[in-house]
Amino acid sequence: MIAKKMWQVINELRGKHKKDIKPSIVIDNQKIVDRRVICNEFNKYFNSIASVLNDNIMESEIAGCKFKSFEDFMIPSNKNSIFLSDCSDAELLDIISQLDNNKASDIPIPRP
């Protein structure tokens, strides 16, 4: 308890003491001090920034310049290519076992 009192005295001598300043903000010429209202107002403001910027960009097309979409930055796709994902040995054996093996007369299939 002595250490706490000592630090209070040191901080008081240094001019460092707790201030009872409550946060406030002015909205529509009205001073708001309720922390929840302040938080909600900041939240509304920051959530609206993107839509406001998008609206301004769409309205101000610069001399017929079209804004690029993300697709303009992609490399062209190759329509003559194919991608197959890997398969396991068990998957292959399952597919082969489902094949009708009495249709190929020229390939001898050993019977267990």
PDB file of N, CA and C in Angstrom:
ATOM      1  N   MET A   1       0.808  -1.181   0.000  1.00  0.00           N
ATOM      2  CA  MET A   1       0.000   0.000   0.000  1.00  0.00           C
ATOM      3  C   MET A   1       0.862   1.260   0.000  1.00  0.00           C
ATOM      4  N   ILE A   2       2.034   1.168   0.635  1.00  0.00           N
ATOM      5  CA  ILE A   2       2.946   2.309   0.685  1.00  0.00           C
ATOM      6  C   ILE A   2       3.454   2.633  -0.724  1.00  0.00           C
ATOM      7  N   ALA A   3       3.750   1.582  -1.535  1.00  0.00           N
ATOM      8  CA  ALA A   3       4.252   1.795  -2.890  1.00  0.00           C
ATOM      9  C   ALA A   3       3.204   2.503  -3.749  1.00  0.00           C
ATOM     10  N   LYS A   4       1.939   2.130  -3.580  1.00  0.00           N
ATOM     11  CA  LYS A   4       0.867   2.758  -4.343  1.00  0.00           C
ATOM     12  C   LYS A   4       0.766   4.246  -4.006  1.00  0.00           C
ATOM     13  N   LYS A   5       0.825   4.556  -2.726  1.00  0.00           N
ATOM     14  CA  LYS A   5       0.752   5.953  -2.288  1.00  0.00           C
ATOM     15  C   LYS A   5       1.962   6.738  -2.791  1.00  0.00           C
ATOM     16  N   MET A   6       3.147   6.071  -2.763  1.00  0.00           N
ATOM     17  CA  MET A   6       4.368   6.715  -3.230  1.00  0.00           C
ATOM     18  C   MET A   6       4.240   7.078  -4.714  1.00  0.00           C
ATOM     19  N   TRP A   7       3.708   6.158  -5.538  1.00  0.00           N
ATOM     20  CA  TRP A   7       3.547   6.439  -6.959  1.00  0.00           C
ATOM     21  C   TRP A   7       2.509   7.530  -7.200  1.00  0.00           C
ATOM     22  N   GLN A   8       1.496   7.594  -6.378  1.00  0.00           N
ATOM     23  CA  GLN A   8       0.514   8.671  -6.499  1.00  0.00           C
ATOM     24  C   GLN A   8       1.178  10.031  -6.275  1.00  0.00           C
ATOM     25  N   VAL A   9       2.046  10.097  -5.259  1.00  0.00           N
ATOM     26  CA  VAL A   9       2.745  11.348  -4.956  1.00  0.00           C
ATOM     27  C   VAL A   9       3.700  11.699  -6.096  1.00  0.00           C
ATOM     28  N   ILE A  10       4.454  10.706  -6.587  1.00  0.00           N
ATOM     29  CA  ILE A  10       5.405  10.957  -7.683  1.00  0.00           C
ATOM     30  C   ILE A  10       4.661  11.446  -8.919  1.00  0.00           C
ATOM     31  N   ASN A  11       3.578  10.768  -9.287  1.00  0.00           N
ATOM     32  CA  ASN A  11       2.806  11.176 -10.466  1.00  0.00           C
ATOM     33  C   ASN A  11       2.163  12.540 -10.279  1.00  0.00           C
ATOM     34  N   GLU A  12       1.743  12.850  -9.070  1.00  0.00           N
ATOM     35  CA  GLU A  12       1.159  14.156  -8.807  1.00  0.00           C
ATOM     36  C   GLU A  12       2.200  15.255  -8.946  1.00  0.00           C
ATOM     37  N   LEU A  13       3.425  15.018  -8.445  1.00  0.00           N
ATOM     38  CA  LEU A  13       4.507  15.988  -8.579  1.00  0.00           C
ATOM     39  C   LEU A  13       4.908  16.186 -10.042  1.00  0.00           C
ATOM     40  N   ARG A  14       4.817  15.135 -10.820  1.00  0.00           N
ATOM     41  CA  ARG A  14       5.158  15.229 -12.245  1.00  0.00           C
ATOM     42  C   ARG A  14       4.039  15.875 -13.059  1.00  0.00           C
ATOM     43  N   GLY A  15       2.896  16.088 -12.412  1.00  0.00           N
ATOM     44  CA  GLY A  15       1.768  16.671 -13.132  1.00  0.00           C
ATOM     45  C   GLY A  15       0.987  15.624 -13.902  1.00  0.00           C
ATOM     46  N   LYS A  16       1.235  14.393 -13.574  1.00  0.00           N
ATOM     47  CA  LYS A  16       0.562  13.305 -14.273  1.00  0.00           C
ATOM     48  C   LYS A  16      -0.507  12.735 -13.344  1.00  0.00           C
ATOM     49  N   HIS A  17      -1.735  13.043 -13.653  1.00  0.00           N
ATOM     50  CA  HIS A  17      -2.824  12.514 -12.850  1.00  0.00           C
ATOM     51  C   HIS A  17      -3.990  12.180 -13.769  1.00  0.00           C
ATOM     52  N   LYS A  18      -4.854  11.340 -13.285  1.00  0.00           N
ATOM     53  CA  LYS A  18      -5.997  10.914 -14.086  1.00  0.00           C
ATOM     54  C   LYS A  18      -6.910  12.102 -14.341  1.00  0.00           C
ATOM     55  N   LYS A  19      -7.337  12.177 -15.580  1.00  0.00           N
ATOM     56  CA  LYS A  19      -8.240  13.250 -15.962  1.00  0.00           C
ATOM     57  C   LYS A  19      -9.617  12.654 -16.199  1.00  0.00           C
ATOM     58  N   ASP A  20     -10.605  13.350 -15.765  1.00  0.00           N
ATOM     59  CA  ASP A  20     -11.974  12.890 -15.936  1.00  0.00           C
ATOM     60  C   ASP A  20     -12.595  13.532 -17.173  1.00  0.00           C
ATOM     61  N   ILE A  21     -11.951  13.291 -18.318  1.00  0.00           N
ATOM     62  CA  ILE A  21     -12.469  13.814 -19.575  1.00  0.00           C
ATOM     63  C   ILE A  21     -13.256  12.697 -20.251  1.00  0.00           C
ATOM     64  N   LYS A  22     -14.519  12.964 -20.483  1.00  0.00           N
ATOM     65  CA  LYS A  22     -15.353  11.973 -21.142  1.00  0.00           C
ATOM     66  C   LYS A  22     -15.316  12.235 -22.643  1.00  0.00           C
ATOM     67  N   PRO A  23     -15.268  11.160 -23.428  1.00  0.00           N
ATOM     68  CA  PRO A  23     -15.252  11.348 -24.880  1.00  0.00           C
ATOM     69  C   PRO A  23     -16.563  11.975 -25.350  1.00  0.00           C
ATOM     70  N   SER A  24     -16.443  12.854 -26.320  1.00  0.00           N
ATOM     71  CA  SER A  24     -17.636  13.478 -26.884  1.00  0.00           C
ATOM     72  C   SER A  24     -17.416  13.728 -28.367  1.00  0.00           C
ATOM     73  N   ILE A  25     -18.501  13.858 -29.079  1.00  0.00           N
ATOM     74  CA  ILE A  25     -18.459  14.123 -30.512  1.00  0.00           C
ATOM     75  C   ILE A  25     -19.672  14.985 -30.851  1.00  0.00           C
ATOM     76  N   VAL A  26     -19.522  15.832 -31.850  1.00  0.00           N
ATOM     77  CA  VAL A  26     -20.623  16.694 -32.257  1.00  0.00           C
ATOM     78  C   VAL A  26     -21.214  16.134 -33.539  1.00  0.00           C
ATOM     79  N   ILE A  27     -22.499  15.814 -33.494  1.00  0.00           N
ATOM     80  CA  ILE A  27     -23.209  15.291 -34.658  1.00  0.00           C
ATOM     81  C   ILE A  27     -24.455  16.142 -34.842  1.00  0.00           C
ATOM     82  N   ASP A  28     -24.588  16.709 -36.017  1.00  0.00           N
ATOM     83  CA  ASP A  28     -25.728  17.595 -36.325  1.00  0.00           C
ATOM     84  C   ASP A  28     -25.875  18.696 -35.273  1.00  0.00           C
ATOM     85  N   ASN A  29     -24.751  19.342 -34.966  1.00  0.00           N
ATOM     86  CA  ASN A  29     -24.700  20.431 -33.984  1.00  0.00           C
ATOM     87  C   ASN A  29     -25.184  20.014 -32.598  1.00  0.00           C
ATOM     88  N   GLN A  30     -25.032  18.748 -32.276  1.00  0.00           N
ATOM     89  CA  GLN A  30     -25.444  18.244 -30.977  1.00  0.00           C
ATOM     90  C   GLN A  30     -24.278  17.463 -30.370  1.00  0.00           C
ATOM     91  N   LYS A  31     -23.900  17.817 -29.129  1.00  0.00           N
ATOM     92  CA  LYS A  31     -22.786  17.144 -28.465  1.00  0.00           C
ATOM     93  C   LYS A  31     -23.261  15.803 -27.906  1.00  0.00           C
ATOM     94  N   ILE A  32     -22.611  14.732 -28.330  1.00  0.00           N
ATOM     95  CA  ILE A  32     -22.966  13.379 -27.908  1.00  0.00           C
ATOM     96  C   ILE A  32     -21.882  12.882 -26.957  1.00  0.00           C
ATOM     97  N   VAL A  33     -22.272  12.402 -25.777  1.00  0.00           N
ATOM     98  CA  VAL A  33     -21.312  11.887 -24.796  1.00  0.00           C
ATOM     99  C   VAL A  33     -21.538  10.399 -24.491  1.00  0.00           C
ATOM    100  N   ASP A  34     -22.645   9.857 -24.935  1.00  0.00           N
ATOM    101  CA  ASP A  34     -22.941   8.441 -24.705  1.00  0.00           C
ATOM    102  C   ASP A  34     -22.000   7.598 -25.566  1.00  0.00           C
ATOM    103  N   ARG A  35     -21.187   6.758 -24.923  1.00  0.00           N
ATOM    104  CA  ARG A  35     -20.186   5.972 -25.641  1.00  0.00           C
ATOM    105  C   ARG A  35     -20.817   5.056 -26.689  1.00  0.00           C
ATOM    106  N   ARG A  36     -21.959   4.472 -26.384  1.00  0.00           N
ATOM    107  CA  ARG A  36     -22.617   3.570 -27.332  1.00  0.00           C
ATOM    108  C   ARG A  36     -23.059   4.323 -28.587  1.00  0.00           C
ATOM    109  N   VAL A  37     -23.611   5.504 -28.413  1.00  0.00           N
ATOM    110  CA  VAL A  37     -24.049   6.315 -29.553  1.00  0.00           C
ATOM    111  C   VAL A  37     -22.837   6.736 -30.379  1.00  0.00           C
ATOM    112  N   ILE A  38     -21.762   7.139 -29.713  1.00  0.00           N
ATOM    113  CA  ILE A  38     -20.531   7.532 -30.423  1.00  0.00           C
ATOM    114  C   ILE A  38     -20.015   6.359 -31.245  1.00  0.00           C
ATOM    115  N   CYS A  39     -19.972   5.194 -30.634  1.00  0.00           N
ATOM    116  CA  CYS A  39     -19.486   3.995 -31.319  1.00  0.00           C
ATOM    117  C   CYS A  39     -20.349   3.678 -32.537  1.00  0.00           C
ATOM    118  N   ASN A  40     -21.661   3.734 -32.373  1.00  0.00           N
ATOM    119  CA  ASN A  40     -22.568   3.444 -33.485  1.00  0.00           C
ATOM    120  C   ASN A  40     -22.435   4.460 -34.611  1.00  0.00           C
ATOM    121  N   GLU A  41     -22.219   5.723 -34.264  1.00  0.00           N
ATOM    122  CA  GLU A  41     -22.059   6.760 -35.300  1.00  0.00           C
ATOM    123  C   GLU A  41     -20.764   6.552 -36.091  1.00  0.00           C
ATOM    124  N   PHE A  42     -19.673   6.218 -35.387  1.00  0.00           N
ATOM    125  CA  PHE A  42     -18.433   5.917 -36.102  1.00  0.00           C
ATOM    126  C   PHE A  42     -18.614   4.686 -36.991  1.00  0.00           C
ATOM    127  N   ASN A  43     -19.303   3.679 -36.476  1.00  0.00           N
ATOM    128  CA  ASN A  43     -19.547   2.470 -37.248  1.00  0.00           C
ATOM    129  C   ASN A  43     -20.340   2.786 -38.514  1.00  0.00           C
ATOM    130  N   LYS A  44     -21.393   3.586 -38.396  1.00  0.00           N
ATOM    131  CA  LYS A  44     -22.180   3.975 -39.579  1.00  0.00           C
ATOM    132  C   LYS A  44     -21.313   4.713 -40.592  1.00  0.00           C
ATOM    133  N   TYR A  45     -20.479   5.623 -40.096  1.00  0.00           N
ATOM    134  CA  TYR A  45     -19.624   6.409 -40.988  1.00  0.00           C
ATOM    135  C   TYR A  45     -18.654   5.523 -41.759  1.00  0.00           C
ATOM    136  N   PHE A  46     -17.921   4.668 -41.032  1.00  0.00           N
ATOM    137  CA  PHE A  46     -16.905   3.859 -41.698  1.00  0.00           C
ATOM    138  C   PHE A  46     -17.514   2.775 -42.582  1.00  0.00           C
ATOM    139  N   ASN A  47     -18.706   2.302 -42.261  1.00  0.00           N
ATOM    140  CA  ASN A  47     -19.366   1.332 -43.123  1.00  0.00           C
ATOM    141  C   ASN A  47     -19.897   1.962 -44.401  1.00  0.00           C
ATOM    142  N   SER A  48     -20.139   3.260 -44.379  1.00  0.00           N
ATOM    143  CA  SER A  48     -20.698   3.918 -45.562  1.00  0.00           C
ATOM    144  C   SER A  48     -19.626   4.420 -46.524  1.00  0.00           C
ATOM    145  N   ILE A  49     -18.373   4.419 -46.117  1.00  0.00           N
ATOM    146  CA  ILE A  49     -17.319   4.993 -46.958  1.00  0.00           C
ATOM    147  C   ILE A  49     -17.227   4.299 -48.312  1.00  0.00           C
ATOM    148  N   ALA A  50     -17.211   2.974 -48.339  1.00  0.00           N
ATOM    149  CA  ALA A  50     -17.040   2.239 -49.596  1.00  0.00           C
ATOM    150  C   ALA A  50     -18.175   2.524 -50.570  1.00  0.00           C
ATOM    151  N   SER A  51     -19.413   2.498 -50.091  1.00  0.00           N
ATOM    152  CA  SER A  51     -20.535   2.735 -51.004  1.00  0.00           C
ATOM    153  C   SER A  51     -20.543   4.170 -51.517  1.00  0.00           C
ATOM    154  N   VAL A  52     -20.172   5.118 -50.673  1.00  0.00           N
ATOM    155  CA  VAL A  52     -20.117   6.515 -51.116  1.00  0.00           C
ATOM    156  C   VAL A  52     -19.033   6.689 -52.185  1.00  0.00           C
ATOM    157  N   LEU A  53     -17.869   6.085 -51.956  1.00  0.00           N
ATOM    158  CA  LEU A  53     -16.793   6.177 -52.951  1.00  0.00           C
ATOM    159  C   LEU A  53     -17.200   5.514 -54.259  1.00  0.00           C
ATOM    160  N   ASN A  54     -17.844   4.354 -54.173  1.00  0.00           N
ATOM    161  CA  ASN A  54     -18.297   3.672 -55.388  1.00  0.00           C
ATOM    162  C   ASN A  54     -19.306   4.521 -56.149  1.00  0.00           C
ATOM    163  N   ASP A  55     -20.238   5.138 -55.446  1.00  0.00           N
ATOM    164  CA  ASP A  55     -21.217   5.992 -56.103  1.00  0.00           C
ATOM    165  C   ASP A  55     -20.535   7.161 -56.799  1.00  0.00           C
ATOM    166  N   ASN A  56     -19.538   7.771 -56.151  1.00  0.00           N
ATOM    167  CA  ASN A  56     -18.830   8.902 -56.747  1.00  0.00           C
ATOM    168  C   ASN A  56     -18.038   8.479 -57.969  1.00  0.00           C
ATOM    169  N   ILE A  57     -17.429   7.299 -57.921  1.00  0.00           N
ATOM    170  CA  ILE A  57     -16.648   6.827 -59.072  1.00  0.00           C
ATOM    171  C   ILE A  57     -17.556   6.557 -60.257  1.00  0.00           C
ATOM    172  N   MET A  58     -18.681   5.911 -60.012  1.00  0.00           N
ATOM    173  CA  MET A  58     -19.590   5.585 -61.109  1.00  0.00           C
ATOM    174  C   MET A  58     -20.167   6.839 -61.754  1.00  0.00           C
ATOM    175  N   GLU A  59     -20.387   7.868 -60.959  1.00  0.00           N
ATOM    176  CA  GLU A  59     -20.956   9.100 -61.487  1.00  0.00           C
ATOM    177  C   GLU A  59     -19.934   9.913 -62.271  1.00  0.00           C
ATOM    178  N   SER A  60     -18.661   9.738 -61.990  1.00  0.00           N
ATOM    179  CA  SER A  60     -17.650  10.584 -62.620  1.00  0.00           C
ATOM    180  C   SER A  60     -16.782   9.775 -63.575  1.00  0.00           C
ATOM    181  N   GLU A  61     -17.377   9.284 -64.648  1.00  0.00           N
ATOM    182  CA  GLU A  61     -16.573   8.610 -65.666  1.00  0.00           C
ATOM    183  C   GLU A  61     -15.695   9.656 -66.328  1.00  0.00           C
ATOM    184  N   ILE A  62     -14.421   9.391 -66.330  1.00  0.00           N
ATOM    185  CA  ILE A  62     -13.458  10.383 -66.800  1.00  0.00           C
ATOM    186  C   ILE A  62     -13.305  10.271 -68.310  1.00  0.00           C
ATOM    187  N   ALA A  63     -13.833  11.221 -69.028  1.00  0.00           N
ATOM    188  CA  ALA A  63     -13.698  11.351 -70.483  1.00  0.00           C
ATOM    189  C   ALA A  63     -13.865  10.013 -71.193  1.00  0.00           C
ATOM    190  N   GLY A  64     -14.901   9.281 -70.858  1.00  0.00           N
ATOM    191  CA  GLY A  64     -15.189   8.022 -71.528  1.00  0.00           C
ATOM    192  C   GLY A  64     -14.285   6.876 -71.118  1.00  0.00           C
ATOM    193  N   CYS A  65     -13.446   7.092 -70.131  1.00  0.00           N
ATOM    194  CA  CYS A  65     -12.531   6.045 -69.674  1.00  0.00           C
ATOM    195  C   CYS A  65     -13.306   5.029 -68.846  1.00  0.00           C
ATOM    196  N   LYS A  66     -13.231   3.771 -69.255  1.00  0.00           N
ATOM    197  CA  LYS A  66     -13.936   2.720 -68.520  1.00  0.00           C
ATOM    198  C   LYS A  66     -13.032   2.185 -67.423  1.00  0.00           C
ATOM    199  N   PHE A  67     -13.573   2.077 -66.227  1.00  0.00           N
ATOM    200  CA  PHE A  67     -12.797   1.526 -65.129  1.00  0.00           C
ATOM    201  C   PHE A  67     -12.651   0.028 -65.325  1.00  0.00           C
ATOM    202  N   LYS A  68     -11.455  -0.487 -65.083  1.00  0.00           N
ATOM    203  CA  LYS A  68     -11.167  -1.887 -65.324  1.00  0.00           C
ATOM    204  C   LYS A  68     -11.786  -2.773 -64.262  1.00  0.00           C
ATOM    205  N   SER A  69     -12.170  -3.959 -64.690  1.00  0.00           N
ATOM    206  CA  SER A  69     -12.634  -4.952 -63.726  1.00  0.00           C
ATOM    207  C   SER A  69     -11.469  -5.892 -63.441  1.00  0.00           C
ATOM    208  N   PHE A  70     -11.628  -6.752 -62.476  1.00  0.00           N
ATOM    209  CA  PHE A  70     -10.542  -7.673 -62.125  1.00  0.00           C
ATOM    210  C   PHE A  70     -10.231  -8.614 -63.280  1.00  0.00           C
ATOM    211  N   GLU A  71     -11.220  -8.882 -64.146  1.00  0.00           N
ATOM    212  CA  GLU A  71     -11.002  -9.807 -65.265  1.00  0.00           C
ATOM    213  C   GLU A  71     -10.006  -9.239 -66.284  1.00  0.00           C
ATOM    214  N   ASP A  72      -9.900  -7.909 -66.344  1.00  0.00           N
ATOM    215  CA  ASP A  72      -8.955  -7.295 -67.281  1.00  0.00           C
ATOM    216  C   ASP A  72      -7.506  -7.588 -66.901  1.00  0.00           C
ATOM    217  N   PHE A  73      -7.254  -7.969 -65.657  1.00  0.00           N
ATOM    218  CA  PHE A  73      -5.900  -8.222 -65.188  1.00  0.00           C
ATOM    219  C   PHE A  73      -5.528  -9.700 -65.226  1.00  0.00           C
ATOM    220  N   MET A  74      -6.478 -10.551 -65.612  1.00  0.00           N
ATOM    221  CA  MET A  74      -6.220 -11.992 -65.666  1.00  0.00           C
ATOM    222  C   MET A  74      -5.650 -12.375 -67.031  1.00  0.00           C
ATOM    223  N   ILE A  75      -4.824 -13.426 -67.038  1.00  0.00           N
ATOM    224  CA  ILE A  75      -4.306 -13.900 -68.319  1.00  0.00           C
ATOM    225  C   ILE A  75      -5.438 -14.603 -69.060  1.00  0.00           C
ATOM    226  N   PRO A  76      -5.408 -14.584 -70.388  1.00  0.00           N
ATOM    227  CA  PRO A  76      -6.490 -15.231 -71.135  1.00  0.00           C
ATOM    228  C   PRO A  76      -6.505 -16.741 -70.873  1.00  0.00           C
ATOM    229  N   SER A  77      -7.705 -17.299 -70.808  1.00  0.00           N
ATOM    230  CA  SER A  77      -7.798 -18.735 -70.563  1.00  0.00           C
ATOM    231  C   SER A  77      -7.513 -19.502 -71.849  1.00  0.00           C
ATOM    232  N   ASN A  78      -7.015 -20.716 -71.701  1.00  0.00           N
ATOM    233  CA  ASN A  78      -6.720 -21.583 -72.838  1.00  0.00           C
ATOM    234  C   ASN A  78      -7.840 -22.603 -72.936  1.00  0.00           C
ATOM    235  N   LYS A  79      -8.644 -22.492 -73.984  1.00  0.00           N
ATOM    236  CA  LYS A  79      -9.794 -23.373 -74.140  1.00  0.00           C
ATOM    237  C   LYS A  79      -9.382 -24.787 -74.545  1.00  0.00           C
ATOM    238  N   ASN A  80      -8.104 -24.993 -74.931  1.00  0.00           N
ATOM    239  CA  ASN A  80      -7.627 -26.307 -75.346  1.00  0.00           C
ATOM    240  C   ASN A  80      -6.881 -27.028 -74.226  1.00  0.00           C
ATOM    241  N   SER A  81      -7.121 -26.639 -72.989  1.00  0.00           N
ATOM    242  CA  SER A  81      -6.436 -27.297 -71.881  1.00  0.00           C
ATOM    243  C   SER A  81      -7.467 -27.904 -70.932  1.00  0.00           C
ATOM    244  N   ILE A  82      -6.992 -28.806 -70.104  1.00  0.00           N
ATOM    245  CA  ILE A  82      -7.873 -29.466 -69.145  1.00  0.00           C
ATOM    246  C   ILE A  82      -7.092 -29.678 -67.859  1.00  0.00           C
ATOM    247  N   PHE A  83      -7.795 -29.630 -66.749  1.00  0.00           N
ATOM    248  CA  PHE A  83      -7.160 -29.886 -65.466  1.00  0.00           C
ATOM    249  C   PHE A  83      -7.885 -31.027 -64.788  1.00  0.00           C
ATOM    250  N   LEU A  84      -7.143 -32.036 -64.386  1.00  0.00           N
ATOM    251  CA  LEU A  84      -7.703 -33.163 -63.661  1.00  0.00           C
ATOM    252  C   LEU A  84      -7.051 -33.228 -62.295  1.00  0.00           C
ATOM    253  N   SER A  85      -7.864 -33.400 -61.292  1.00  0.00           N
ATOM    254  CA  SER A  85      -7.288 -33.511 -59.954  1.00  0.00           C
ATOM    255  C   SER A  85      -6.793 -34.936 -59.724  1.00  0.00           C
ATOM    256  N   ASP A  86      -5.860 -35.085 -58.798  1.00  0.00           N
ATOM    257  CA  ASP A  86      -5.280 -36.396 -58.499  1.00  0.00           C
ATOM    258  C   ASP A  86      -6.346 -37.339 -57.968  1.00  0.00           C
ATOM    259  N   CYS A  87      -6.112 -38.626 -58.203  1.00  0.00           N
ATOM    260  CA  CYS A  87      -7.003 -39.637 -57.640  1.00  0.00           C
ATOM    261  C   CYS A  87      -6.148 -40.698 -56.951  1.00  0.00           C
ATOM    262  N   SER A  88      -6.774 -41.427 -56.066  1.00  0.00           N
ATOM    263  CA  SER A  88      -6.033 -42.422 -55.283  1.00  0.00           C
ATOM    264  C   SER A  88      -6.087 -43.786 -55.975  1.00  0.00           C
ATOM    265  N   ASP A  89      -5.230 -44.700 -55.516  1.00  0.00           N
ATOM    266  CA  ASP A  89      -5.230 -46.067 -56.047  1.00  0.00           C
ATOM    267  C   ASP A  89      -6.575 -46.732 -55.789  1.00  0.00           C
ATOM    268  N   ALA A  90      -7.129 -46.496 -54.611  1.00  0.00           N
ATOM    269  CA  ALA A  90      -8.412 -47.102 -54.255  1.00  0.00           C
ATOM    270  C   ALA A  90      -9.520 -46.603 -55.175  1.00  0.00           C
ATOM    271  N   GLU A  91      -9.483 -45.315 -55.531  1.00  0.00           N
ATOM    272  CA  GLU A  91     -10.492 -44.759 -56.434  1.00  0.00           C
ATOM    273  C   GLU A  91     -10.392 -45.401 -57.809  1.00  0.00           C
ATOM    274  N   LEU A  92      -9.170 -45.579 -58.312  1.00  0.00           N
ATOM    275  CA  LEU A  92      -8.974 -46.239 -59.611  1.00  0.00           C
ATOM    276  C   LEU A  92      -9.469 -47.675 -59.583  1.00  0.00           C
ATOM    277  N   LEU A  93      -9.112 -48.432 -58.549  1.00  0.00           N
ATOM    278  CA  LEU A  93      -9.559 -49.818 -58.444  1.00  0.00           C
ATOM    279  C   LEU A  93     -11.079 -49.908 -58.370  1.00  0.00           C
ATOM    280  N   ASP A  94     -11.701 -48.976 -57.682  1.00  0.00           N
ATOM    281  CA  ASP A  94     -13.159 -48.964 -57.586  1.00  0.00           C
ATOM    282  C   ASP A  94     -13.792 -48.721 -58.954  1.00  0.00           C
ATOM    283  N   ILE A  95     -13.254 -47.775 -59.710  1.00  0.00           N
ATOM    284  CA  ILE A  95     -13.787 -47.474 -61.044  1.00  0.00           C
ATOM    285  C   ILE A  95     -13.590 -48.659 -61.980  1.00  0.00           C
ATOM    286  N   ILE A  96     -12.406 -49.254 -61.944  1.00  0.00           N
ATOM    287  CA  ILE A  96     -12.125 -50.399 -62.821  1.00  0.00           C
ATOM    288  C   ILE A  96     -13.012 -51.583 -62.469  1.00  0.00           C
ATOM    289  N   SER A  97     -13.246 -51.805 -61.199  1.00  0.00           N
ATOM    290  CA  SER A  97     -14.071 -52.951 -60.794  1.00  0.00           C
ATOM    291  C   SER A  97     -15.527 -52.779 -61.223  1.00  0.00           C
ATOM    292  N   GLN A  98     -15.958 -51.560 -61.466  1.00  0.00           N
ATOM    293  CA  GLN A  98     -17.332 -51.315 -61.898  1.00  0.00           C
ATOM    294  C   GLN A  98     -17.498 -51.464 -63.408  1.00  0.00           C
ATOM    295  N   LEU A  99     -16.407 -51.583 -64.154  1.00  0.00           N
ATOM    296  CA  LEU A  99     -16.495 -51.735 -65.605  1.00  0.00           C
ATOM    297  C   LEU A  99     -17.044 -53.114 -65.944  1.00  0.00           C
ATOM    298  N   ASP A 100     -17.829 -53.176 -67.013  1.00  0.00           N
ATOM    299  CA  ASP A 100     -18.373 -54.448 -67.477  1.00  0.00           C
ATOM    300  C   ASP A 100     -17.268 -55.152 -68.265  1.00  0.00           C
ATOM    301  N   ASN A 101     -16.709 -56.229 -67.717  1.00  0.00           N
ATOM    302  CA  ASN A 101     -15.521 -56.825 -68.305  1.00  0.00           C
ATOM    303  C   ASN A 101     -15.827 -57.905 -69.344  1.00  0.00           C
ATOM    304  N   ASN A 102     -17.053 -58.162 -69.671  1.00  0.00           N
ATOM    305  CA  ASN A 102     -17.330 -59.184 -70.687  1.00  0.00           C
ATOM    306  C   ASN A 102     -17.621 -58.575 -72.052  1.00  0.00           C
ATOM    307  N   LYS A 103     -17.327 -57.303 -72.254  1.00  0.00           N
ATOM    308  CA  LYS A 103     -17.537 -56.642 -73.543  1.00  0.00           C
ATOM    309  C   LYS A 103     -16.278 -56.678 -74.410  1.00  0.00           C
ATOM    310  N   ALA A 104     -15.091 -56.745 -73.815  1.00  0.00           N
ATOM    311  CA  ALA A 104     -13.847 -56.736 -74.578  1.00  0.00           C
ATOM    312  C   ALA A 104     -13.409 -58.184 -74.779  1.00  0.00           C
ATOM    313  N   SER A 105     -13.565 -58.653 -75.987  1.00  0.00           N
ATOM    314  CA  SER A 105     -13.273 -60.064 -76.254  1.00  0.00           C
ATOM    315  C   SER A 105     -11.800 -60.303 -76.558  1.00  0.00           C
ATOM    316  N   ASP A 106     -11.086 -59.233 -76.949  1.00  0.00           N
ATOM    317  CA  ASP A 106      -9.682 -59.421 -77.338  1.00  0.00           C
ATOM    318  C   ASP A 106      -8.701 -59.254 -76.177  1.00  0.00           C
ATOM    319  N   ILE A 107      -9.172 -58.864 -75.019  1.00  0.00           N
ATOM    320  CA  ILE A 107      -8.281 -58.664 -73.885  1.00  0.00           C
ATOM    321  C   ILE A 107      -8.577 -59.768 -72.857  1.00  0.00           C
ATOM    322  N   PRO A 108      -7.586 -60.615 -72.634  1.00  0.00           N
ATOM    323  CA  PRO A 108      -7.850 -61.681 -71.660  1.00  0.00           C
ATOM    324  C   PRO A 108      -7.836 -61.102 -70.228  1.00  0.00           C
ATOM    325  N   ILE A 109      -8.854 -61.401 -69.464  1.00  0.00           N
ATOM    326  CA  ILE A 109      -8.948 -60.927 -68.086  1.00  0.00           C
ATOM    327  C   ILE A 109      -8.813 -62.162 -67.188  1.00  0.00           C
ATOM    328  N   PRO A 110      -7.740 -62.174 -66.372  1.00  0.00           N
ATOM    329  CA  PRO A 110      -7.573 -63.323 -65.491  1.00  0.00           C
ATOM    330  C   PRO A 110      -8.671 -63.374 -64.441  1.00  0.00           C
ATOM    331  N   ARG A 111      -9.200 -64.549 -64.207  1.00  0.00           N
ATOM    332  CA  ARG A 111     -10.253 -64.743 -63.207  1.00  0.00           C
ATOM    333  C   ARG A 111      -9.613 -65.279 -61.929  1.00  0.00           C
ATOM    334  N   PRO A 112      -9.989 -64.725 -60.766  1.00  0.00           N
ATOM    335  CA  PRO A 112      -9.390 -65.225 -59.516  1.00  0.00           C
ATOM    336  C   PRO A 112      -9.907 -66.612 -59.137  1.00  0.00           C
TER     337      PRO A 112
END
